[in-house]
Structures are given as C-alpha cells and as structure tokens.
C-alpha cells in the first residue's frame, strides 16, 4: 500500500524498524502484522548497537527485503545514513531498488534529496523547537519523524511529559507524524498516541529486541491492541 495513504488513515500505522538487515527478521515482522518495514545503511544504530554498511555492501539482502515487502503488499523505507556525507549516488540507488521512502535526520539530509522521486521522512532530534517545526509545513517533506528524546533517556518509560511534547508538535504541523520507540512505549500507550493525532508508531530495538521471535511477539502485541481499539471505535460509529 502507498506509504502516505496509509499514514493518512484514521488507524495508527505500525512501522517496524529492524535492528539488522535480515530477511528472517523482516519476515517475522510482516507475519506478525507490521504495516511498514524500515531498514538502514551507513549508520551505527544507537539502540541496536548494529553497524550498517554501505548500499553496495548491503545490496543483496536489501533487494530481497524489497521483494518480500512487495509480496506482502507492504511499504518499505530506508535510513540512508547517520552523517551528512551520504553520496547522492546512493540516494539514486535507493530509488532504483524500489524503496517507497527515505528516512534521514534533517541535519544529515542533502537538500538535493528534497527533489527526488520518493517520499521523504525527515527526522528531528532533541534540539528542535516549534518555530522550526512550523517551517517544515512549507517544505517538500512528506513525513515528520519525531526522534526528540535525549539519547541518554532511551529505553526509559513513556510519561505524560513526552505526550505533551508530541501534542505540541502535532498542533504545529499538518505533516504526518511518526513516533519512534526511543522510550519503552507499550502497546496500550500507543493508543494514546493515536488519540492525540499521531499517524504512526515505529517500534525498534528498545521495544522489539533483536531476535526474530522477540520481533514477532512485540509486533503481534502492538498489532492486536491497535486493531482491537480501532474495531471498537468502528462499532461505536455503526451503532
């Protein structure tokens, strides 16, 4: 399904950010009900402690994962790197492989990427401010990833303070919003994110762990809670 159309549905979208570019992990997430898969290259991933190599080095498995997602009729996107020197040739390669969206921190994204023919998910960090978020509304950015937690707080419980921060951002931008599991978000808490207008929750290593079995279980748990809540809401509307 088209990534942006999916995000604009009323039901919270479930994205699984894989801790490793591994076909079995992708299959576990998809079998468990992930709507979208996200993979990585050119980055040392903070939460999973995984070193992701270049596009060329990761190419065989990435092609297999794109094919797998097409088989399941699910979207797949890619983090192109964790620095500001990502070669534009790699961006072109990402498009050719068939990724629906690219995900990069604002401070790492070459402005040339904004004109490329794929969806752009731009991540902001804990140095953001709301004036800055407001400016995003007038730029060709398709999705805002709110990676706004300080790194030293990764894995801590989600509290109302973070909900207030997310809601302030929601009130400032009309772009689809994705909340990553920098905090240890529970399935039940993700419903609160939907209720404040968040479009997607993206669960990664902090929540899913790094094995196929733990990824399957975590994804299944989130899928069940999201579906149960939204089915009840649908029943209310019918009656």
Protein backbone atom coordinates (compact mmCIF):
# COMPACT_ATOMS: atom_id res chain seq x y z
CA UNK A 1 0.00 0.00 0.00
CA UNK A 2 1.09 3.58 -0.63
CA UNK A 3 3.01 4.85 2.42
CA UNK A 4 1.36 8.27 2.64
CA UNK A 5 -2.17 6.97 2.04
CA UNK A 6 -1.56 4.50 4.86
CA UNK A 7 -0.40 7.25 7.23
CA UNK A 8 -3.50 9.32 6.47
CA UNK A 9 -5.87 6.58 7.60
CA UNK A 10 -7.54 7.04 11.00
CA UNK A 11 -5.97 3.87 12.38
CA UNK A 12 -2.44 4.18 13.76
CA UNK A 13 0.14 2.77 11.32
CA UNK A 14 2.59 0.22 12.75
CA UNK A 15 6.15 0.58 11.44
CA UNK A 16 8.86 -1.89 12.46
CA UNK A 17 12.43 -0.57 12.35
CA UNK A 18 14.63 -3.63 12.02
CA UNK A 19 17.78 -3.95 14.18
CA UNK A 20 19.57 -5.73 11.32
CA UNK A 21 19.11 -6.06 7.55
CA UNK A 22 17.98 -9.64 7.76
CA UNK A 23 15.29 -11.40 5.73
CA UNK A 24 14.12 -13.57 8.64
CA UNK A 25 13.62 -10.52 10.87
CA UNK A 26 11.63 -8.79 8.12
CA UNK A 27 9.51 -11.90 7.63
CA UNK A 28 8.83 -12.13 11.38
CA UNK A 29 7.63 -8.51 11.47
CA UNK A 30 5.44 -8.92 8.39
CA UNK A 31 3.93 -12.20 9.59
CA UNK A 32 3.11 -10.52 12.90
CA UNK A 33 1.25 -7.67 11.23
CA UNK A 34 3.67 -4.82 10.52
CA UNK A 35 2.26 -2.25 8.08
CA UNK A 36 5.68 -0.91 7.11
CA UNK A 37 9.29 -2.09 7.38
CA UNK A 38 12.26 0.24 7.81
CA UNK A 39 15.88 -0.78 7.19
CA UNK A 40 19.24 1.02 7.45
CA UNK A 41 22.57 1.66 5.71
CA UNK A 42 25.62 3.82 6.52
CA UNK A 43 24.92 4.15 10.22
CA UNK A 44 25.89 2.92 13.66
CA UNK A 45 22.46 2.35 15.18
CA UNK A 46 22.33 3.63 18.75
CA UNK A 47 19.56 1.41 20.12
CA UNK A 48 20.53 -1.90 18.48
CA UNK A 49 24.33 -1.32 18.51
CA UNK A 50 24.39 -2.57 14.91
CA UNK A 51 26.83 -1.25 12.31
CA UNK A 52 25.01 -0.95 8.98
CA UNK A 53 27.29 -0.94 5.93
CA UNK A 54 27.08 0.91 2.60
CA UNK A 55 24.37 0.41 -0.01
CA UNK A 56 26.75 -1.63 -2.17
CA UNK A 57 27.65 -3.95 0.71
CA UNK A 58 24.04 -4.38 1.88
CA UNK A 59 22.57 -4.54 -1.65
CA UNK A 60 21.82 -8.31 -1.97
CA UNK A 61 19.78 -8.52 1.24
CA UNK A 62 18.11 -5.15 0.63
CA UNK A 63 16.83 -6.33 -2.76
CA UNK A 64 15.44 -9.47 -1.14
CA UNK A 65 13.70 -7.41 1.53
CA UNK A 66 12.10 -5.07 -1.03
CA UNK A 67 10.85 -8.13 -2.94
CA UNK A 68 9.50 -9.65 0.28
CA UNK A 69 7.57 -6.49 1.15
CA UNK A 70 6.08 -6.38 -2.36
CA UNK A 71 4.95 -9.97 -1.87
CA UNK A 72 3.18 -8.95 1.34
CA UNK A 73 1.91 -5.72 -0.30
CA UNK A 74 3.61 -3.66 2.42
CA UNK A 75 5.68 -0.47 2.25
CA UNK A 76 9.42 -0.44 2.93
CA UNK A 77 11.69 2.52 3.59
CA UNK A 78 15.35 3.04 4.38
CA UNK A 79 17.54 5.17 6.62
CA UNK A 80 20.20 6.30 4.16
CA UNK A 81 22.84 7.14 6.75
CA UNK A 82 23.80 8.76 10.02
CA UNK A 83 26.04 11.54 8.70
CA UNK A 84 25.89 14.47 6.28
CA UNK A 85 28.19 12.98 3.61
CA UNK A 86 25.84 10.40 2.11
CA UNK A 87 26.72 10.18 -1.62
CA UNK A 88 23.88 11.20 -3.93
CA UNK A 89 24.67 8.08 -5.98
CA UNK A 90 23.42 6.04 -3.02
CA UNK A 91 20.18 8.03 -3.00
CA UNK A 92 19.72 7.23 -6.69
CA UNK A 93 20.46 3.57 -5.94
CA UNK A 94 17.83 3.52 -3.20
CA UNK A 95 15.22 4.80 -5.66
CA UNK A 96 16.18 2.17 -8.27
CA UNK A 97 15.87 -0.70 -5.78
CA UNK A 98 12.25 0.25 -5.10
CA UNK A 99 12.10 1.77 -1.62
CA UNK A 100 8.96 3.87 -1.10
CA UNK A 101 10.54 6.33 1.31
CA UNK A 102 13.86 7.55 2.58
CA UNK A 103 14.45 8.49 6.21
CA UNK A 104 17.24 10.83 7.30
CA UNK A 105 17.80 13.33 10.11
CA UNK A 106 17.35 16.91 8.92
CA UNK A 107 20.98 17.70 9.82
CA UNK A 108 22.22 14.84 7.61
CA UNK A 109 19.98 15.30 4.55
CA UNK A 110 21.39 16.86 1.39
CA UNK A 111 18.83 19.46 0.17
CA UNK A 112 19.02 17.82 -3.27
CA UNK A 113 17.14 14.85 -1.82
CA UNK A 114 14.02 17.01 -1.46
CA UNK A 115 13.52 17.00 -5.23
CA UNK A 116 13.92 13.23 -5.64
CA UNK A 117 11.05 10.95 -6.66
CA UNK A 118 10.34 9.10 -3.42
CA UNK A 119 8.72 10.03 -0.13
CA UNK A 120 10.92 11.92 2.32
CA UNK A 121 10.64 11.19 6.06
CA UNK A 122 12.74 13.77 7.88
CA UNK A 123 13.71 13.17 11.50
CA UNK A 124 14.16 15.93 14.05
CA UNK A 125 16.14 15.40 17.26
CA UNK A 126 16.08 16.83 20.78
CA UNK A 127 17.43 20.19 19.56
CA UNK A 128 14.16 21.03 17.76
CA UNK A 129 11.86 23.95 18.55
CA UNK A 130 8.27 24.61 17.47
CA UNK A 131 9.12 27.53 15.16
CA UNK A 132 11.41 25.13 13.36
CA UNK A 133 8.65 22.51 13.15
CA UNK A 134 6.26 25.11 11.73
CA UNK A 135 8.72 25.87 8.90
CA UNK A 136 8.51 22.23 7.78
CA UNK A 137 4.91 22.82 6.67
CA UNK A 138 6.05 24.80 3.63
CA UNK A 139 8.83 22.41 2.55
CA UNK A 140 8.59 19.31 0.28
CA UNK A 141 8.90 16.98 3.26
CA UNK A 142 6.28 14.22 3.35
CA UNK A 143 6.58 12.84 6.89
CA UNK A 144 7.99 14.12 10.18
CA UNK A 145 9.77 11.60 12.41
CA UNK A 146 9.87 12.92 15.97
CA UNK A 147 13.09 11.44 17.36
CA UNK A 148 13.12 14.13 20.01
CA UNK A 149 14.21 12.22 23.11
CA UNK A 150 17.67 12.91 24.52
CA UNK A 151 19.90 9.87 23.81
CA UNK A 152 20.62 9.30 27.49
CA UNK A 153 16.88 8.72 28.10
CA UNK A 154 16.49 5.90 25.54
CA UNK A 155 14.62 2.95 26.98
CA UNK A 156 13.05 4.88 29.85
CA UNK A 157 9.26 4.71 30.39
CA UNK A 158 6.96 6.96 28.37
CA UNK A 159 5.40 9.69 30.54
CA UNK A 160 2.86 12.49 30.15
CA UNK A 161 5.71 14.94 29.57
CA UNK A 162 6.53 13.20 26.28
CA UNK A 163 2.84 13.12 25.35
CA UNK A 164 2.71 16.90 25.86
CA UNK A 165 5.80 17.34 23.68
CA UNK A 166 4.32 15.20 20.91
CA UNK A 167 0.97 17.02 21.12
CA UNK A 168 2.70 20.42 20.88
CA UNK A 169 4.35 19.24 17.66
CA UNK A 170 1.03 17.84 16.39
CA UNK A 171 -0.56 21.25 16.98
CA UNK A 172 2.23 22.93 14.98
CA UNK A 173 2.38 20.84 11.81
CA UNK A 174 -0.06 19.22 9.42
CA UNK A 175 2.54 16.72 8.18
CA UNK A 176 2.06 13.03 9.04
CA UNK A 177 3.86 12.33 12.33
CA UNK A 178 5.81 9.19 13.22
CA UNK A 179 6.86 8.48 16.82
CA UNK A 180 9.78 6.06 17.24
CA UNK A 181 10.13 3.91 20.35
CA UNK A 182 13.04 5.80 21.83
CA UNK A 183 11.12 5.42 25.07
CA UNK A 184 9.81 2.00 26.11
CA UNK A 185 6.35 2.54 24.62
CA UNK A 186 3.83 -0.19 25.44
CA UNK A 187 1.09 -1.38 23.07
CA UNK A 188 -1.55 0.22 25.29
CA UNK A 189 0.27 3.57 25.30
CA UNK A 190 0.35 3.71 21.51
CA UNK A 191 -3.44 4.19 21.56
CA UNK A 192 -2.88 7.48 23.39
CA UNK A 193 -0.56 8.49 20.54
CA UNK A 194 -3.34 7.80 18.05
CA UNK A 195 -5.79 9.82 20.15
CA UNK A 196 -3.55 12.92 20.11
CA UNK A 197 -3.24 12.76 16.33
CA UNK A 198 -0.03 10.80 15.76
CA UNK A 199 -0.12 8.90 12.46
CA UNK A 200 2.32 6.06 13.15
CA UNK A 201 4.31 4.40 15.88
CA UNK A 202 7.66 2.97 14.87
CA UNK A 203 8.88 0.18 17.11
CA UNK A 204 12.56 -0.69 17.14
CA UNK A 205 15.16 -2.46 19.27
CA UNK A 206 14.16 -0.73 22.54
CA UNK A 207 10.75 -2.42 22.27
CA UNK A 208 11.21 -5.34 19.86
CA UNK A 209 14.54 -6.79 20.92
CA UNK A 210 16.81 -8.20 18.23
CA UNK A 211 15.68 -11.78 17.57
CA UNK A 212 13.03 -12.94 15.12
CA UNK A 213 10.94 -14.37 17.98
CA UNK A 214 11.05 -11.16 20.05
CA UNK A 215 10.27 -9.04 16.98
CA UNK A 216 7.33 -11.30 16.13
CA UNK A 217 5.96 -11.12 19.69
CA UNK A 218 6.32 -7.34 20.05
CA UNK A 219 4.81 -6.66 16.63
CA UNK A 220 1.92 -9.05 17.34
CA UNK A 221 1.23 -7.36 20.68
CA UNK A 222 1.07 -3.90 19.09
CA UNK A 223 -0.99 -5.17 16.15
CA UNK A 224 -3.58 -6.75 18.44
CA UNK A 225 -4.02 -3.65 20.61
CA UNK A 226 -4.23 -1.26 17.64
CA UNK A 227 -6.76 -3.44 15.81
CA UNK A 228 -8.88 -4.12 18.90
CA UNK A 229 -9.13 -0.42 19.74
CA UNK A 230 -9.98 0.64 16.19
CA UNK A 231 -12.54 -2.13 15.71
CA UNK A 232 -14.31 -0.97 18.87
CA UNK A 233 -14.28 2.62 17.60
CA UNK A 234 -15.74 1.45 14.29
CA UNK A 235 -18.51 -0.42 16.13
CA UNK A 236 -19.36 2.75 18.08
CA UNK A 237 -19.78 4.65 14.81
CA UNK A 238 -22.04 1.92 13.38
CA UNK A 239 -24.28 1.87 16.45
